[in-house]
Each structure stands twice: as structure tokens, then as C-alpha cells.
Amino acid sequence: MKRILYILFLVSFSLFAQEKTTQKKSEVTDLIQEGVNSYNKADYLDADKAFRKALASDPGSGVAAYNLGLTQIAEEKPLEAVHYFGKASKNADKKSLKNKAYFNAGNVWFHKKKYERAIEAYKNALRNVPEDEEARYNLALAKQMLKKQNKSNKKNNKKNKKNDKKKDNKKNDQNKKDKNKKDQNKKNKDKQGKDKKDQKKKQDEKKKQDDQNKKDKQKQEKNKQNQNKEQQRKKVKLTPQQVKQLLVGLKNKEQKTQKKIKAHRLKGSGKKKKQEKDW
């Protein structure tokens, strides 16, 4: 029997050679023996091939399945090994083979820290061979590790909950800050919009006032011009007496002008006659 120390407990990996029967060796028996020989030489690739051929020829062979499981362990394929240990425990004719299949499956689960599965596997190993002290030792160790794991998980869960609560509080605080910031930005934006609207309103009112002032000024200037015209018109307006005097003056001026014209004509006529007399 070949024994390998696995973590903190013993793992019993022993190859089962097919027992001889009174019948002629079958092809399956030869393939299993071929696989055992390759395994003992650490030629796990050839061992794997031989055991697979044997299992293909006889799917119900517990020995072929068990030995293939051991080969998967050697090839560092523990989960595949568990699969074949399961087939072996189901199809094995002898309790000793069932015991070892369950035992080694328990060792794989122990290595994977799946202690509950390991515990169940070791219990099944003991059900088939109650005097298996290695299985009993590993069962106790698995229970101890499960208890420790549960305690650690509980502590971690409590710590995680505390951290989650801190994260939630931090997240809530951040959300609150973000909301306040968003609200403040909205207020600022609304204020800017209101200020802009008020500014435009003031500009519109100023423009309207300027236009009104301009119109009022134009109206005032027009009124002033009208007043000036009225004042001038009032200044040049004459009383009837002044009009009469003005007409008399104009008449006298006209008479004087006519006299001058007449005198000028007479003077010119005298000169003409004198010249004719000289001739």
C-alpha cells in the first residue's frame, strides 16, 4: 500500500490490482494490470490511458474507476479524481474498495477546504470499514477545521457586515453630499437664470424708458419750436392803428417813388429836345 502525506493528514492512495479469478484473464484485467505497472513507474500518462480503456470496456469496473481516480490525483486533477472515486464507491464489489474510494474523495475535499463534504466522505469510509483509524482521525480533523472555519466565517461575516455598514453610511453620506451639491447647483443655476432674466428685464425697461425719454424730448422740442413760432407770430402781429400807419407810410413812400420817376422822365425829355435844336 502506497501512502502519501496530504496537508496535515494521511491519504491512503493504494492501487487495487484486479483479483485473479478461475476464469481466463479478460482484456479488462490485462489493461488494469498494465495501468498499475505504469503507475508504479510514475508513468501516469500511460496509466491514465490504460485505466480509461479498461473503464471503457467495463464501465461497471470499480477497480478501474478507483485506479483512474488515483491517476488523476497524480496528474493534479483532483476534481476529476473525485468523479472517479464516486464511480468506484458506487460500483465496487468489496467494502474495502468502497472505503478507500470514500476516504480519498474525503481527502480531496479536505484539501479544497470543503470540510462538510470531507466529513460526509469520511463517514461513508467508516461505514464500510469501521476500524479505519486514518478515516476516523481525518474525520475528527475535518470537524475541527469546519468548526474553525465557521467561527472564522462568522467573524468575517460580522466584520463584513460592519464594513458594509460603514460603506453604506459612507455611501449614504456621499449620496447626501451629492444631492446637496446637485441641489445647490440647481439653486445656483436657477439663480443665474433668474438674474439673467431680471437683467434682461431691466435692459428692456431701460430701453423702453430711453425710448420714452427720447419721444418726450422730441415732443418737448417740437412744443418748444411751436411756442417759439407762436411767440414770433405774436411779436409780428400789428394793431389796426399800426396797420393803418404802416399803410399810410407805404402810400407816402409810393408817392415819393412815383414823383422821383416822373421827375427823372421829365429831365430826360429836356435833354433830347436840346440836342435836336443843335442839329
Protein backbone atom coordinates (compact mmCIF):
# COMPACT_ATOMS: atom_id res chain seq x y z
CA MET A 1 0.00 0.00 0.00
CA LYS A 2 1.38 3.37 -1.01
CA ARG A 3 0.78 6.21 1.46
CA ILE A 4 1.16 9.95 0.74
CA LEU A 5 1.13 12.73 3.37
CA TYR A 6 -1.50 15.23 2.23
CA ILE A 7 -1.68 18.52 4.16
CA LEU A 8 -1.97 17.53 7.86
CA PHE A 9 -3.47 14.11 7.49
CA LEU A 10 -2.70 10.80 5.89
CA VAL A 11 -4.07 9.99 2.47
CA SER A 12 -4.07 6.39 1.51
CA PHE A 13 -3.62 6.03 -2.26
CA SER A 14 -3.29 2.34 -2.97
CA LEU A 15 -3.74 0.79 -6.37
CA PHE A 16 -6.02 -2.22 -6.48
CA ALA A 17 -4.93 -4.93 -8.84
CA GLN A 18 -7.75 -6.93 -10.33
CA GLU A 19 -8.02 -10.24 -8.47
CA LYS A 20 -7.46 -13.36 -10.41
CA THR A 21 -10.45 -15.49 -10.99
CA THR A 22 -10.85 -19.03 -12.03
CA GLN A 23 -11.72 -17.68 -15.46
CA LYS A 24 -9.29 -16.68 -18.11
CA LYS A 25 -7.94 -13.14 -17.69
CA SER A 26 -10.09 -10.73 -19.57
CA GLU A 27 -8.96 -7.79 -21.59
CA VAL A 28 -10.08 -5.50 -18.73
CA THR A 29 -7.86 -7.35 -16.26
CA ASP A 30 -4.89 -7.01 -18.56
CA LEU A 31 -5.50 -3.29 -19.08
CA ILE A 32 -5.80 -2.72 -15.31
CA GLN A 33 -2.56 -4.59 -14.69
CA GLU A 34 -0.89 -2.58 -17.44
CA GLY A 35 -2.10 0.63 -15.79
CA VAL A 36 -0.84 -0.46 -12.37
CA ASN A 37 2.59 -1.20 -13.78
CA SER A 38 2.76 2.23 -15.48
CA TYR A 39 1.58 3.97 -12.31
CA ASN A 40 4.25 2.28 -10.20
CA LYS A 41 6.82 3.58 -12.69
CA ALA A 42 5.32 7.09 -12.30
CA ASP A 43 4.30 6.92 -15.95
CA TYR A 44 0.94 8.50 -15.21
CA LEU A 45 0.08 9.27 -18.82
CA ASP A 46 0.23 5.60 -19.86
CA ALA A 47 -1.51 4.59 -16.65
CA ASP A 48 -4.29 7.05 -17.42
CA LYS A 49 -4.74 5.61 -20.92
CA ALA A 50 -4.79 2.03 -19.69
CA PHE A 51 -7.33 2.65 -16.94
CA ARG A 52 -9.58 4.63 -19.29
CA LYS A 53 -9.51 1.77 -21.82
CA ALA A 54 -10.37 -0.69 -19.07
CA LEU A 55 -13.25 1.51 -17.86
CA ALA A 56 -14.48 1.93 -21.44
CA SER A 57 -14.54 -1.85 -21.86
CA ASP A 58 -16.21 -2.36 -18.47
CA PRO A 59 -17.99 0.83 -17.22
CA GLY A 60 -19.02 -1.03 -14.07
CA SER A 61 -15.47 -1.83 -13.02
CA GLY A 62 -14.96 -0.26 -9.59
CA VAL A 63 -11.24 -1.14 -9.67
CA ALA A 64 -10.64 0.65 -12.99
CA ALA A 65 -12.56 3.70 -11.78
CA TYR A 66 -10.69 3.83 -8.46
CA ASN A 67 -7.26 3.45 -10.06
CA LEU A 68 -8.13 6.12 -12.65
CA GLY A 69 -9.08 8.41 -9.78
CA LEU A 70 -5.68 7.89 -8.17
CA THR A 71 -4.03 8.66 -11.50
CA GLN A 72 -5.96 11.96 -11.70
CA ILE A 73 -4.57 12.87 -8.30
CA ALA A 74 -1.06 12.18 -9.56
CA GLU A 75 -1.80 14.36 -12.60
CA GLU A 76 -3.06 17.13 -10.28
CA LYS A 77 -6.68 16.88 -11.40
CA PRO A 78 -8.41 16.49 -8.00
CA LEU A 79 -11.96 17.26 -9.12
CA GLU A 80 -11.79 14.63 -11.87
CA ALA A 81 -10.39 12.24 -9.28
CA VAL A 82 -13.45 12.79 -7.06
CA HIS A 83 -15.65 11.91 -10.01
CA TYR A 84 -13.97 8.54 -10.50
CA PHE A 85 -13.84 7.85 -6.75
CA GLY A 86 -17.60 8.32 -6.80
CA LYS A 87 -17.96 5.77 -9.61
CA ALA A 88 -15.70 3.38 -7.73
CA SER A 89 -17.66 3.67 -4.46
CA LYS A 90 -20.88 3.00 -6.40
CA ASN A 91 -19.65 0.04 -8.46
CA ALA A 92 -17.11 -1.62 -6.13
CA ASP A 93 -17.96 -5.15 -5.00
CA LYS A 94 -15.84 -5.06 -1.86
CA LYS A 95 -16.28 -2.75 1.13
CA SER A 96 -12.52 -2.30 1.36
CA LEU A 97 -12.51 -0.65 -2.09
CA LYS A 98 -15.56 1.47 -1.23
CA ASN A 99 -13.77 2.54 1.95
CA LYS A 100 -10.69 3.73 0.09
CA ALA A 101 -12.73 5.47 -2.62
CA TYR A 102 -14.68 7.46 0.00
CA PHE A 103 -11.54 8.08 2.04
CA ASN A 104 -9.58 9.56 -0.84
CA ALA A 105 -12.57 11.60 -2.01
CA GLY A 106 -12.69 13.00 1.56
CA ASN A 107 -9.00 13.90 1.30
CA VAL A 108 -9.62 15.85 -1.91
CA TRP A 109 -12.49 17.79 -0.32
CA PHE A 110 -10.36 18.45 2.76
CA HIS A 111 -7.61 19.85 0.55
CA LYS A 112 -10.22 22.09 -1.15
CA LYS A 113 -11.40 23.24 2.32
CA LYS A 114 -14.83 21.77 1.62
CA TYR A 115 -14.96 20.31 5.12
CA GLU A 116 -18.65 19.37 5.15
CA ARG A 117 -18.17 17.19 2.04
CA ALA A 118 -14.98 15.78 3.50
CA ILE A 119 -16.82 14.85 6.72
CA GLU A 120 -19.55 13.04 4.79
CA ALA A 121 -16.95 11.15 2.73
CA TYR A 122 -15.02 10.03 5.84
CA LYS A 123 -18.24 8.87 7.48
CA ASN A 124 -19.02 6.74 4.42
CA ALA A 125 -15.48 5.33 4.55
CA LEU A 126 -16.06 4.30 8.21
CA ARG A 127 -19.46 2.81 7.42
CA ASN A 128 -17.69 0.37 5.11
CA VAL A 129 -14.62 -0.23 7.32
CA PRO A 130 -15.38 0.92 10.92
CA GLU A 131 -11.85 0.06 12.11
CA ASP A 132 -10.22 2.51 9.66
CA GLU A 133 -8.28 4.73 12.10
CA GLU A 134 -6.98 7.02 9.36
CA ALA A 135 -10.53 7.83 8.28
CA ARG A 136 -11.52 8.36 11.95
CA TYR A 137 -8.57 10.71 12.50
CA ASN A 138 -9.29 12.68 9.35
CA LEU A 139 -12.98 12.88 10.24
CA ALA A 140 -12.14 14.42 13.63
CA LEU A 141 -9.69 16.81 11.98
CA ALA A 142 -12.26 17.82 9.33
CA LYS A 143 -14.83 18.53 12.07
CA GLN A 144 -12.29 20.63 13.92
CA MET A 145 -11.41 22.56 10.76
CA LEU A 146 -15.11 23.06 9.92
CA LYS A 147 -15.74 24.48 13.39
CA LYS A 148 -12.76 26.79 12.98
CA GLN A 149 -13.90 27.76 9.50
CA ASN A 150 -17.43 28.52 10.70
CA LYS A 151 -16.06 30.62 13.53
CA SER A 152 -13.79 32.46 11.11
CA ASN A 153 -16.65 32.90 8.65
CA LYS A 154 -18.88 34.21 11.41
CA LYS A 155 -16.18 36.65 12.45
CA ASN A 156 -15.58 37.64 8.85
CA ASN A 157 -19.30 38.00 8.26
CA LYS A 158 -19.59 40.22 11.30
CA LYS A 159 -16.61 42.21 10.10
CA ASN A 160 -18.00 42.34 6.60
CA LYS A 161 -21.38 43.49 7.91
CA LYS A 162 -19.62 46.18 9.91
CA ASN A 163 -17.59 47.18 6.86
CA ASP A 164 -20.72 47.03 4.73
CA LYS A 165 -22.48 49.25 7.23
CA LYS A 166 -19.58 51.68 7.12
CA LYS A 167 -19.63 51.54 3.35
CA ASP A 168 -23.40 52.09 3.36
CA ASN A 169 -23.03 55.02 5.76
CA LYS A 170 -20.21 56.40 3.67
CA LYS A 171 -22.25 55.84 0.54
CA ASN A 172 -25.27 57.50 2.14
CA ASP A 173 -23.12 60.42 3.25
CA GLN A 174 -21.69 60.68 -0.23
CA ASN A 175 -25.16 60.43 -1.74
CA LYS A 176 -26.31 63.14 0.64
CA LYS A 177 -23.35 65.31 -0.32
CA ASP A 178 -24.00 64.65 -3.99
CA LYS A 179 -27.67 65.51 -3.51
CA ASN A 180 -26.82 68.70 -1.64
CA LYS A 181 -24.31 69.58 -4.31
CA LYS A 182 -26.86 68.84 -7.01
CA ASP A 183 -29.49 70.90 -5.20
CA GLN A 184 -27.00 73.74 -4.72
CA ASN A 185 -26.03 73.59 -8.38
CA LYS A 186 -29.71 73.70 -9.28
CA LYS A 187 -30.23 76.68 -6.99
CA ASN A 188 -27.21 78.41 -8.48
CA LYS A 189 -28.44 77.63 -11.96
CA ASP A 190 -31.93 78.87 -11.12
CA LYS A 191 -30.45 81.99 -9.54
CA GLN A 192 -28.30 82.61 -12.58
CA GLY A 193 -31.32 82.12 -14.80
CA LYS A 194 -33.37 84.50 -12.62
CA ASP A 195 -30.53 87.04 -12.56
CA LYS A 196 -30.22 86.79 -16.31
CA LYS A 197 -33.97 87.17 -16.68
CA ASP A 198 -34.00 90.15 -14.28
CA GLN A 199 -31.07 91.70 -16.11
CA LYS A 200 -32.86 91.31 -19.45
CA LYS A 201 -35.99 92.75 -17.90
CA LYS A 202 -34.01 95.74 -16.61
CA GLN A 203 -32.39 96.19 -20.01
CA ASP A 204 -35.80 96.05 -21.69
CA GLU A 205 -37.22 98.54 -19.17
CA LYS A 206 -34.20 100.81 -19.62
CA LYS A 207 -34.57 100.64 -23.39
CA LYS A 208 -38.27 101.35 -23.07
CA GLN A 209 -37.55 104.24 -20.73
CA ASP A 210 -34.85 105.58 -23.07
CA ASP A 211 -37.27 105.37 -26.00
CA GLN A 212 -39.92 107.16 -23.96
CA ASN A 213 -37.42 109.80 -22.87
CA LYS A 214 -36.41 110.26 -26.48
CA LYS A 215 -40.04 110.64 -27.53
CA ASP A 216 -40.68 113.04 -24.63
CA LYS A 217 -37.62 115.05 -25.59
CA GLN A 218 -38.70 115.18 -29.21
CA LYS A 219 -42.16 116.21 -28.12
CA GLN A 220 -40.72 118.89 -25.84
CA GLU A 221 -38.51 120.21 -28.64
CA LYS A 222 -41.47 120.25 -31.01
CA ASN A 223 -43.59 122.04 -28.42
CA LYS A 224 -40.76 124.47 -27.84
CA GLN A 225 -40.47 125.14 -31.56
CA ASN A 226 -44.21 125.67 -31.77
CA GLN A 227 -44.04 128.02 -28.81
CA ASN A 228 -41.20 129.94 -30.44
CA LYS A 229 -43.18 130.19 -33.65
CA GLU A 230 -46.22 131.38 -31.73
CA GLN A 231 -44.15 133.91 -29.85
CA GLN A 232 -42.64 135.17 -33.10
CA ARG A 233 -46.08 135.29 -34.64
CA LYS A 234 -47.31 137.25 -31.67
CA LYS A 235 -44.33 139.60 -31.92
CA VAL A 236 -45.03 140.49 -35.58
CA LYS A 237 -48.78 140.90 -35.09
CA LEU A 238 -49.82 144.64 -35.53
CA THR A 239 -52.65 146.54 -34.10
CA PRO A 240 -55.19 148.15 -36.52
CA GLN A 241 -53.71 151.55 -35.86
CA GLN A 242 -50.21 150.25 -36.60
CA VAL A 243 -51.50 148.65 -39.76
CA LYS A 244 -53.13 151.96 -40.77
CA GLN A 245 -49.95 153.87 -40.08
CA LEU A 246 -47.96 151.27 -41.97
CA LEU A 247 -50.31 151.59 -44.95
CA VAL A 248 -50.07 155.36 -44.83
CA GLY A 249 -46.31 155.11 -44.69
CA LEU A 250 -46.28 152.72 -47.58
CA LYS A 251 -48.58 155.03 -49.55
CA ASN A 252 -46.41 158.05 -48.87
CA LYS A 253 -43.35 156.09 -49.83
CA GLU A 254 -45.07 155.01 -53.00
CA GLN A 255 -45.98 158.60 -53.83
CA LYS A 256 -42.43 159.75 -53.34
CA THR A 257 -41.18 156.98 -55.55
CA GLN A 258 -43.63 157.96 -58.31
CA LYS A 259 -42.56 161.59 -58.07
CA LYS A 260 -38.93 160.65 -58.49
CA ILE A 261 -39.72 158.53 -61.50
CA LYS A 262 -41.75 161.31 -63.07
CA ALA A 263 -39.06 163.89 -62.43
CA HIS A 264 -36.47 161.61 -63.99
CA ARG A 265 -38.57 161.18 -67.06
CA LEU A 266 -39.05 164.95 -67.46
CA LYS A 267 -35.38 165.59 -67.14
CA GLY A 268 -34.54 163.09 -69.81
CA SER A 269 -37.04 164.59 -72.22
CA GLY A 270 -35.50 168.11 -71.94
CA LYS A 271 -32.05 166.89 -72.90
CA LYS A 272 -33.37 165.22 -76.05
CA LYS A 273 -35.02 168.36 -77.34
CA LYS A 274 -31.89 170.45 -76.87
CA GLN A 275 -29.82 168.10 -78.94
CA GLU A 276 -32.32 168.19 -81.75
CA LYS A 277 -32.12 172.01 -81.68
CA ASP A 278 -28.31 171.95 -82.08
CA TRP A 279 -28.76 169.99 -85.33
